[in-house]
Amino acid sequence: MTWTGNSDHRSSARRAVAFAAVLALGGCSQQATTAPAAANQQLGRWVTESGNLEIDIAPCGKALCGTVVKVLANRSMADPSKTMAADAPSPLGMKVLRDFMPSGDGEWQGQIYNRESGKTYDCLMSLASSDQLKIHPYVGVPLFGKTQIWRRAVASSEQP
């Protein structure tokens, strides 16, 4: 009788381990499908808050990156009433968003290049709505940053 009890106990333990493994795999599967689905919402073309550039956000390896595909204006980001000197070389093809990976709660973390200052900053990215993208560059911790709202480019401007 003791042997049968141990067998039942072992059998129950095996079932519990198998059940836990199924739950764990189900959790991993859900996470794996959630990240790409969330990334798809950020993919596409976006116009920067200053209205200067159109950025194409696309996969680059396991991350998301953003590349300048169109120069729309050349206003200063610090003072939009002022025009900046023409860039040399042109910002076309410049990668301004790099290495954005999911960081939880719909946010992506990576780096943003500021062509006006020539500096690269840590950055958080998240959707504000289907046609608005929150970009939050910062120094050190996110508290020390400023949020920009980029808007989705209209379909007619998506032709390079």
N, C-alpha and C. Protein backbone atom coordinates (compact mmCIF):
# COMPACT_ATOMS: atom_id res chain seq x y z
N MET A 1 0.81 -1.18 0.00
CA MET A 1 0.00 0.00 0.00
C MET A 1 0.86 1.25 0.00
N THR A 2 1.91 1.20 0.73
CA THR A 2 2.80 2.35 0.77
C THR A 2 3.38 2.62 -0.61
N TRP A 3 3.72 1.56 -1.31
CA TRP A 3 4.29 1.73 -2.64
C TRP A 3 3.29 2.40 -3.57
N THR A 4 2.02 1.98 -3.55
CA THR A 4 0.99 2.57 -4.38
C THR A 4 0.80 4.04 -4.01
N GLY A 5 0.84 4.35 -2.73
CA GLY A 5 0.72 5.74 -2.29
C GLY A 5 1.83 6.59 -2.88
N ASN A 6 3.07 6.06 -2.87
CA ASN A 6 4.18 6.80 -3.44
C ASN A 6 4.01 6.97 -4.94
N SER A 7 3.48 5.89 -5.56
CA SER A 7 3.25 5.97 -7.00
C SER A 7 2.24 7.07 -7.32
N ASP A 8 1.15 7.11 -6.53
CA ASP A 8 0.15 8.16 -6.74
C ASP A 8 0.77 9.53 -6.47
N HIS A 9 1.59 9.60 -5.45
CA HIS A 9 2.25 10.87 -5.10
C HIS A 9 3.19 11.29 -6.24
N ARG A 10 3.97 10.33 -6.76
CA ARG A 10 4.89 10.64 -7.87
C ARG A 10 4.10 11.05 -9.10
N SER A 11 3.02 10.34 -9.36
CA SER A 11 2.18 10.64 -10.51
C SER A 11 1.60 12.05 -10.38
N SER A 12 1.14 12.40 -9.20
CA SER A 12 0.59 13.74 -8.96
C SER A 12 1.68 14.79 -9.13
N ALA A 13 2.85 14.48 -8.62
CA ALA A 13 3.97 15.43 -8.74
C ALA A 13 4.33 15.64 -10.20
N ARG A 14 4.36 14.54 -10.98
CA ARG A 14 4.67 14.65 -12.41
C ARG A 14 3.61 15.49 -13.13
N ARG A 15 2.35 15.25 -12.78
CA ARG A 15 1.28 16.04 -13.41
C ARG A 15 1.42 17.51 -13.06
N ALA A 16 1.76 17.80 -11.81
CA ALA A 16 1.92 19.19 -11.38
C ALA A 16 3.08 19.85 -12.13
N VAL A 17 4.19 19.11 -12.29
CA VAL A 17 5.34 19.64 -13.02
C VAL A 17 4.97 19.86 -14.49
N ALA A 18 4.27 18.90 -15.07
CA ALA A 18 3.85 19.03 -16.47
C ALA A 18 2.91 20.21 -16.63
N PHE A 19 1.97 20.38 -15.69
CA PHE A 19 1.03 21.49 -15.75
C PHE A 19 1.78 22.83 -15.64
N ALA A 20 2.74 22.89 -14.71
CA ALA A 20 3.53 24.11 -14.55
C ALA A 20 4.32 24.42 -15.82
N ALA A 21 4.86 23.37 -16.46
CA ALA A 21 5.61 23.57 -17.70
C ALA A 21 4.71 24.10 -18.81
N VAL A 22 3.49 23.56 -18.90
CA VAL A 22 2.54 24.06 -19.91
C VAL A 22 2.20 25.51 -19.64
N LEU A 23 1.96 25.85 -18.37
CA LEU A 23 1.68 27.25 -18.04
C LEU A 23 2.86 28.15 -18.39
N ALA A 24 4.06 27.70 -18.05
CA ALA A 24 5.25 28.50 -18.35
C ALA A 24 5.42 28.69 -19.84
N LEU A 25 5.26 27.62 -20.60
CA LEU A 25 5.38 27.73 -22.05
C LEU A 25 4.28 28.61 -22.62
N GLY A 26 3.09 28.49 -22.06
CA GLY A 26 1.99 29.36 -22.50
C GLY A 26 2.31 30.81 -22.22
N GLY A 27 2.91 31.10 -21.07
CA GLY A 27 3.31 32.47 -20.74
C GLY A 27 4.37 32.98 -21.68
N CYS A 28 5.35 32.13 -21.99
CA CYS A 28 6.40 32.54 -22.92
C CYS A 28 5.81 32.77 -24.29
N SER A 29 4.92 31.90 -24.70
CA SER A 29 4.30 32.03 -26.02
C SER A 29 3.51 33.33 -26.10
N GLN A 30 2.77 33.65 -25.04
CA GLN A 30 1.99 34.88 -25.04
C GLN A 30 2.91 36.09 -25.13
N GLN A 31 4.00 36.10 -24.36
CA GLN A 31 4.93 37.20 -24.38
C GLN A 31 5.58 37.33 -25.75
N ALA A 32 5.95 36.23 -26.35
CA ALA A 32 6.60 36.26 -27.65
C ALA A 32 5.66 36.83 -28.71
N THR A 33 4.37 36.54 -28.62
CA THR A 33 3.46 37.07 -29.62
C THR A 33 3.04 38.50 -29.30
N THR A 34 3.10 38.91 -28.04
CA THR A 34 2.71 40.27 -27.68
C THR A 34 3.73 41.29 -28.16
N ALA A 35 5.01 41.03 -27.99
CA ALA A 35 6.04 42.00 -28.37
C ALA A 35 5.98 42.34 -29.86
N PRO A 36 5.97 41.35 -30.77
CA PRO A 36 5.89 41.71 -32.18
C PRO A 36 4.58 42.41 -32.53
N ALA A 37 3.49 42.02 -31.91
CA ALA A 37 2.21 42.68 -32.20
C ALA A 37 2.28 44.14 -31.78
N ALA A 38 2.87 44.41 -30.62
CA ALA A 38 3.00 45.78 -30.16
C ALA A 38 3.96 46.55 -31.07
N ALA A 39 4.99 45.91 -31.55
CA ALA A 39 5.95 46.56 -32.45
C ALA A 39 5.28 46.97 -33.74
N ASN A 40 4.36 46.15 -34.24
CA ASN A 40 3.69 46.46 -35.49
C ASN A 40 2.98 47.80 -35.43
N GLN A 41 2.51 48.20 -34.27
CA GLN A 41 1.80 49.47 -34.13
C GLN A 41 2.74 50.66 -34.28
N GLN A 42 4.01 50.49 -33.96
CA GLN A 42 4.97 51.58 -34.09
C GLN A 42 5.63 51.61 -35.46
N LEU A 43 5.51 50.54 -36.22
CA LEU A 43 6.13 50.49 -37.53
C LEU A 43 5.47 51.51 -38.46
N GLY A 44 6.25 51.98 -39.40
CA GLY A 44 5.71 52.91 -40.38
C GLY A 44 6.41 54.24 -40.32
N ARG A 45 5.79 55.20 -40.98
CA ARG A 45 6.40 56.53 -41.09
C ARG A 45 5.75 57.53 -40.15
N TRP A 46 6.62 58.31 -39.50
CA TRP A 46 6.20 59.28 -38.50
C TRP A 46 6.87 60.62 -38.80
N VAL A 47 6.15 61.72 -38.55
CA VAL A 47 6.69 63.06 -38.70
C VAL A 47 7.08 63.56 -37.31
N THR A 48 8.30 64.04 -37.18
CA THR A 48 8.80 64.51 -35.89
C THR A 48 7.97 65.69 -35.39
N GLU A 49 8.03 65.97 -34.09
CA GLU A 49 7.24 67.05 -33.50
C GLU A 49 7.55 68.40 -34.15
N SER A 50 8.80 68.62 -34.52
CA SER A 50 9.18 69.89 -35.15
C SER A 50 8.66 69.99 -36.58
N GLY A 51 8.25 68.86 -37.16
CA GLY A 51 7.79 68.85 -38.54
C GLY A 51 8.93 68.84 -39.55
N ASN A 52 10.15 68.64 -39.07
CA ASN A 52 11.32 68.68 -39.94
C ASN A 52 11.53 67.41 -40.75
N LEU A 53 11.32 66.26 -40.11
CA LEU A 53 11.72 65.00 -40.72
C LEU A 53 10.61 63.98 -40.72
N GLU A 54 10.64 63.12 -41.72
CA GLU A 54 9.78 61.95 -41.74
C GLU A 54 10.69 60.76 -41.46
N ILE A 55 10.33 59.99 -40.44
CA ILE A 55 11.15 58.87 -39.96
C ILE A 55 10.40 57.57 -40.25
N ASP A 56 11.10 56.60 -40.81
CA ASP A 56 10.54 55.27 -41.04
C ASP A 56 11.02 54.36 -39.92
N ILE A 57 10.08 53.87 -39.11
CA ILE A 57 10.41 52.94 -38.03
C ILE A 57 10.19 51.53 -38.55
N ALA A 58 11.25 50.73 -38.48
CA ALA A 58 11.23 49.38 -39.03
C ALA A 58 12.12 48.48 -38.18
N PRO A 59 11.93 47.15 -38.28
CA PRO A 59 12.80 46.23 -37.56
C PRO A 59 14.24 46.34 -38.06
N CYS A 60 15.17 46.24 -37.14
CA CYS A 60 16.59 46.11 -37.50
C CYS A 60 17.16 45.08 -36.54
N GLY A 61 17.28 43.87 -37.03
CA GLY A 61 17.65 42.76 -36.16
C GLY A 61 16.48 42.47 -35.23
N LYS A 62 16.75 42.33 -33.94
CA LYS A 62 15.69 42.06 -32.96
C LYS A 62 15.08 43.34 -32.41
N ALA A 63 15.59 44.48 -32.84
CA ALA A 63 15.15 45.77 -32.31
C ALA A 63 14.36 46.55 -33.36
N LEU A 64 13.92 47.74 -32.98
CA LEU A 64 13.33 48.69 -33.91
C LEU A 64 14.29 49.86 -34.07
N CYS A 65 14.37 50.39 -35.29
CA CYS A 65 15.20 51.55 -35.57
C CYS A 65 14.38 52.53 -36.40
N GLY A 66 14.80 53.78 -36.42
CA GLY A 66 14.13 54.80 -37.21
C GLY A 66 15.11 55.53 -38.09
N THR A 67 14.81 55.60 -39.38
CA THR A 67 15.69 56.21 -40.37
C THR A 67 14.97 57.37 -41.05
N VAL A 68 15.71 58.46 -41.29
CA VAL A 68 15.16 59.62 -41.98
C VAL A 68 14.92 59.25 -43.44
N VAL A 69 13.67 59.39 -43.90
CA VAL A 69 13.33 59.08 -45.29
C VAL A 69 12.92 60.32 -46.06
N LYS A 70 12.64 61.42 -45.34
CA LYS A 70 12.25 62.65 -46.04
C LYS A 70 12.57 63.85 -45.15
N VAL A 71 13.14 64.90 -45.76
CA VAL A 71 13.35 66.16 -45.06
C VAL A 71 12.20 67.07 -45.46
N LEU A 72 11.42 67.50 -44.48
CA LEU A 72 10.23 68.31 -44.75
C LEU A 72 10.48 69.79 -44.51
N ALA A 73 11.37 70.11 -43.57
CA ALA A 73 11.69 71.50 -43.22
C ALA A 73 13.04 71.48 -42.52
N ASN A 74 13.51 72.64 -42.16
CA ASN A 74 14.80 72.72 -41.48
C ASN A 74 14.72 73.74 -40.35
N ARG A 75 13.65 73.64 -39.54
CA ARG A 75 13.46 74.54 -38.42
C ARG A 75 14.25 74.04 -37.21
N SER A 76 14.70 74.98 -36.40
CA SER A 76 15.39 74.64 -35.17
C SER A 76 14.40 73.98 -34.22
N MET A 77 14.82 72.90 -33.56
CA MET A 77 13.95 72.26 -32.57
C MET A 77 13.86 73.11 -31.31
N ALA A 78 14.94 73.83 -30.99
CA ALA A 78 14.95 74.67 -29.81
C ALA A 78 14.08 75.92 -30.00
N ASP A 79 14.08 76.48 -31.23
CA ASP A 79 13.28 77.66 -31.53
C ASP A 79 12.69 77.49 -32.93
N PRO A 80 11.48 76.91 -33.03
CA PRO A 80 10.89 76.61 -34.34
C PRO A 80 10.71 77.82 -35.26
N SER A 81 10.81 79.05 -34.72
CA SER A 81 10.68 80.23 -35.58
C SER A 81 11.96 80.49 -36.38
N LYS A 82 13.04 79.81 -36.01
CA LYS A 82 14.33 79.98 -36.69
C LYS A 82 14.62 78.80 -37.61
N THR A 83 15.21 79.11 -38.75
CA THR A 83 15.62 78.07 -39.69
C THR A 83 17.07 77.73 -39.40
N MET A 84 17.38 76.45 -39.39
CA MET A 84 18.76 75.99 -39.16
C MET A 84 19.54 76.10 -40.47
N ALA A 85 20.84 76.15 -40.34
CA ALA A 85 21.69 76.08 -41.53
C ALA A 85 21.51 74.71 -42.16
N ALA A 86 21.64 74.64 -43.46
CA ALA A 86 21.48 73.36 -44.16
C ALA A 86 22.48 72.34 -43.62
N ASP A 87 21.99 71.12 -43.44
CA ASP A 87 22.84 70.04 -42.95
C ASP A 87 23.82 69.62 -44.03
N ALA A 88 25.04 69.38 -43.61
CA ALA A 88 26.02 68.78 -44.53
C ALA A 88 26.65 67.64 -43.75
N PRO A 89 26.50 66.43 -44.09
CA PRO A 89 25.72 65.91 -45.21
C PRO A 89 24.23 65.92 -44.88
N SER A 90 23.43 65.66 -45.88
CA SER A 90 21.98 65.61 -45.74
C SER A 90 21.61 64.54 -44.70
N PRO A 91 20.54 64.80 -43.93
CA PRO A 91 20.12 63.79 -42.95
C PRO A 91 19.41 62.58 -43.57
N LEU A 92 19.14 62.61 -44.88
CA LEU A 92 18.48 61.46 -45.51
C LEU A 92 19.28 60.18 -45.27
N GLY A 93 18.60 59.16 -44.84
CA GLY A 93 19.25 57.88 -44.56
C GLY A 93 19.87 57.80 -43.18
N MET A 94 19.86 58.90 -42.43
CA MET A 94 20.44 58.92 -41.07
C MET A 94 19.56 58.10 -40.13
N LYS A 95 20.17 57.24 -39.34
CA LYS A 95 19.45 56.45 -38.34
C LYS A 95 19.38 57.29 -37.07
N VAL A 96 18.18 57.77 -36.74
CA VAL A 96 18.02 58.62 -35.56
C VAL A 96 17.46 57.86 -34.36
N LEU A 97 16.81 56.73 -34.59
CA LEU A 97 16.35 55.86 -33.51
C LEU A 97 17.10 54.55 -33.62
N ARG A 98 17.68 54.09 -32.51
CA ARG A 98 18.48 52.86 -32.54
C ARG A 98 18.12 51.94 -31.38
N ASP A 99 18.17 50.66 -31.69
CA ASP A 99 18.13 49.61 -30.66
C ASP A 99 16.93 49.68 -29.72
N PHE A 100 15.75 49.97 -30.22
CA PHE A 100 14.56 50.01 -29.37
C PHE A 100 14.05 48.60 -29.14
N MET A 101 14.00 48.24 -27.86
CA MET A 101 13.54 46.92 -27.42
C MET A 101 12.40 47.11 -26.43
N PRO A 102 11.46 46.16 -26.38
CA PRO A 102 10.35 46.29 -25.42
C PRO A 102 10.89 46.37 -23.99
N SER A 103 10.33 47.30 -23.21
CA SER A 103 10.76 47.43 -21.82
C SER A 103 9.60 47.26 -20.86
N GLY A 104 8.43 46.87 -21.38
CA GLY A 104 7.27 46.61 -20.53
C GLY A 104 6.23 47.71 -20.62
N ASP A 105 4.99 47.34 -20.33
CA ASP A 105 3.86 48.27 -20.32
C ASP A 105 3.72 49.07 -21.61
N GLY A 106 4.02 48.44 -22.75
CA GLY A 106 3.86 49.10 -24.03
C GLY A 106 4.96 50.08 -24.38
N GLU A 107 5.97 50.18 -23.53
CA GLU A 107 7.09 51.09 -23.81
C GLU A 107 8.24 50.35 -24.46
N TRP A 108 8.97 51.08 -25.25
CA TRP A 108 10.19 50.58 -25.87
C TRP A 108 11.32 51.49 -25.45
N GLN A 109 12.49 50.92 -25.22
CA GLN A 109 13.63 51.71 -24.78
C GLN A 109 14.76 51.54 -25.78
N GLY A 110 15.40 52.66 -26.10
CA GLY A 110 16.52 52.65 -27.04
C GLY A 110 17.24 53.97 -26.96
N GLN A 111 17.77 54.41 -28.10
CA GLN A 111 18.51 55.67 -28.14
C GLN A 111 18.03 56.51 -29.31
N ILE A 112 18.10 57.83 -29.12
CA ILE A 112 17.73 58.77 -30.17
C ILE A 112 18.90 59.72 -30.41
N TYR A 113 19.16 60.00 -31.68
CA TYR A 113 20.24 60.91 -32.06
C TYR A 113 19.61 62.26 -32.37
N ASN A 114 20.15 63.31 -31.78
CA ASN A 114 19.71 64.68 -32.03
C ASN A 114 20.68 65.30 -33.02
N ARG A 115 20.28 65.45 -34.26
CA ARG A 115 21.19 65.97 -35.29
C ARG A 115 21.54 67.43 -35.06
N GLU A 116 20.71 68.15 -34.31
CA GLU A 116 20.98 69.56 -34.04
C GLU A 116 22.15 69.72 -33.07
N SER A 117 22.20 68.85 -32.05
CA SER A 117 23.28 68.95 -31.06
C SER A 117 24.41 67.96 -31.32
N GLY A 118 24.12 66.94 -32.15
CA GLY A 118 25.12 65.91 -32.41
C GLY A 118 25.25 64.92 -31.27
N LYS A 119 24.27 64.89 -30.36
CA LYS A 119 24.33 64.01 -29.19
C LYS A 119 23.31 62.89 -29.31
N THR A 120 23.59 61.80 -28.62
CA THR A 120 22.70 60.65 -28.55
C THR A 120 22.19 60.54 -27.12
N TYR A 121 20.89 60.30 -26.98
CA TYR A 121 20.25 60.23 -25.67
C TYR A 121 19.52 58.90 -25.52
N ASP A 122 19.38 58.45 -24.27
CA ASP A 122 18.49 57.34 -23.99
C ASP A 122 17.08 57.83 -24.28
N CYS A 123 16.19 56.91 -24.63
CA CYS A 123 14.87 57.33 -25.06
C CYS A 123 13.84 56.24 -24.80
N LEU A 124 12.64 56.65 -24.41
CA LEU A 124 11.49 55.76 -24.30
C LEU A 124 10.52 56.11 -25.42
N MET A 125 9.88 55.10 -25.96
CA MET A 125 8.92 55.29 -27.05
C MET A 125 7.66 54.49 -26.71
N SER A 126 6.49 55.10 -26.92
CA SER A 126 5.23 54.39 -26.72
C SER A 126 4.16 55.08 -27.56
N LEU A 127 3.10 54.34 -27.84
CA LEU A 127 1.99 54.91 -28.59
C LEU A 127 1.12 55.74 -27.66
N ALA A 128 0.78 56.95 -28.09
CA ALA A 128 -0.19 57.77 -27.37
C ALA A 128 -1.57 57.46 -27.94
N SER A 129 -1.63 57.18 -29.25
CA SER A 129 -2.85 56.76 -29.94
C SER A 129 -2.40 56.11 -31.24
N SER A 130 -3.33 55.70 -32.07
CA SER A 130 -2.94 55.02 -33.31
C SER A 130 -2.18 55.93 -34.26
N ASP A 131 -2.34 57.26 -34.10
CA ASP A 131 -1.63 58.18 -34.99
C ASP A 131 -0.70 59.13 -34.25
N GLN A 132 -0.40 58.83 -32.98
CA GLN A 132 0.54 59.65 -32.22
C GLN A 132 1.53 58.75 -31.47
N LEU A 133 2.80 59.11 -31.58
CA LEU A 133 3.88 58.35 -30.96
C LEU A 133 4.58 59.24 -29.95
N LYS A 134 4.65 58.76 -28.69
CA LYS A 134 5.35 59.52 -27.65
C LYS A 134 6.83 59.14 -27.69
N ILE A 135 7.67 60.15 -27.84
CA ILE A 135 9.12 59.98 -27.84
C ILE A 135 9.63 60.77 -26.64
N HIS A 136 10.35 60.10 -25.74
CA HIS A 136 10.80 60.76 -24.51
C HIS A 136 12.32 60.59 -24.34
N PRO A 137 13.11 61.49 -24.94
CA PRO A 137 14.57 61.44 -24.73
C PRO A 137 14.89 61.94 -23.32
N TYR A 138 15.95 61.39 -22.74
CA TYR A 138 16.33 61.82 -21.39
C TYR A 138 17.81 61.59 -21.15
N VAL A 139 18.29 62.25 -20.08
CA VAL A 139 19.67 62.09 -19.63
C VAL A 139 19.64 61.45 -18.25
N GLY A 140 20.27 60.31 -18.09
CA GLY A 140 20.33 59.64 -16.79
C GLY A 140 19.08 58.85 -16.47
N VAL A 141 18.04 59.52 -16.03
CA VAL A 141 16.77 58.87 -15.70
C VAL A 141 15.64 59.56 -16.46
N PRO A 142 14.57 58.84 -16.78
CA PRO A 142 13.48 59.42 -17.57
C PRO A 142 12.88 60.71 -16.99
N LEU A 143 13.01 60.91 -15.69
CA LEU A 143 12.51 62.12 -15.06
C LEU A 143 13.14 63.36 -15.71
N PHE A 144 14.40 63.22 -16.13
CA PHE A 144 15.12 64.34 -16.73
C PHE A 144 15.04 64.26 -18.26
N GLY A 145 13.86 64.51 -18.77
CA GLY A 145 13.66 64.46 -20.21
C GLY A 145 12.44 65.26 -20.60
N LYS A 146 12.19 65.29 -21.89
CA LYS A 146 11.04 66.03 -22.42
C LYS A 146 10.34 65.15 -23.44
N THR A 147 9.03 65.04 -23.30
CA THR A 147 8.26 64.21 -24.22
C THR A 147 7.90 64.99 -25.47
N GLN A 148 8.10 64.34 -26.61
CA GLN A 148 7.68 64.87 -27.90
C GLN A 148 6.54 63.97 -28.40
N ILE A 149 5.67 64.54 -29.20
CA ILE A 149 4.63 63.75 -29.85
C ILE A 149 4.88 63.80 -31.36
N TRP A 150 5.15 62.63 -31.92
CA TRP A 150 5.30 62.52 -33.36
C TRP A 150 3.94 62.08 -33.90
N ARG A 151 3.62 62.50 -35.11
CA ARG A 151 2.35 62.09 -35.70
C ARG A 151 2.60 61.19 -36.89
N ARG A 152 1.68 60.28 -37.11
CA ARG A 152 1.82 59.35 -38.23
C ARG A 152 1.78 60.13 -39.54
N ALA A 153 2.68 59.81 -40.44
CA ALA A 153 2.74 60.47 -41.74
C ALA A 153 1.51 60.09 -42.55
N VAL A 154 1.02 61.05 -43.32
CA VAL A 154 -0.14 60.75 -44.18
C VAL A 154 0.31 59.85 -45.31
N ALA A 155 -0.61 59.06 -45.83
CA ALA A 155 -0.30 58.04 -46.84
C ALA A 155 0.38 58.63 -48.08
N SER A 156 0.00 59.83 -48.51
CA SER A 156 0.59 60.40 -49.72
C SER A 156 2.06 60.71 -49.55
N SER A 157 2.51 60.97 -48.32
CA SER A 157 3.93 61.28 -48.12
C SER A 157 4.77 60.02 -47.95
N GLU A 158 4.14 58.84 -47.97
CA GLU A 158 4.89 57.61 -47.78
C GLU A 158 5.63 57.19 -49.03
N GLN A 159 5.45 57.88 -50.11
CA GLN A 159 6.20 57.56 -51.32
C GLN A 159 7.55 58.26 -51.25
N PRO A 160 8.68 57.55 -51.28
CA PRO A 160 9.99 58.19 -51.15
C PRO A 160 10.31 59.09 -52.32
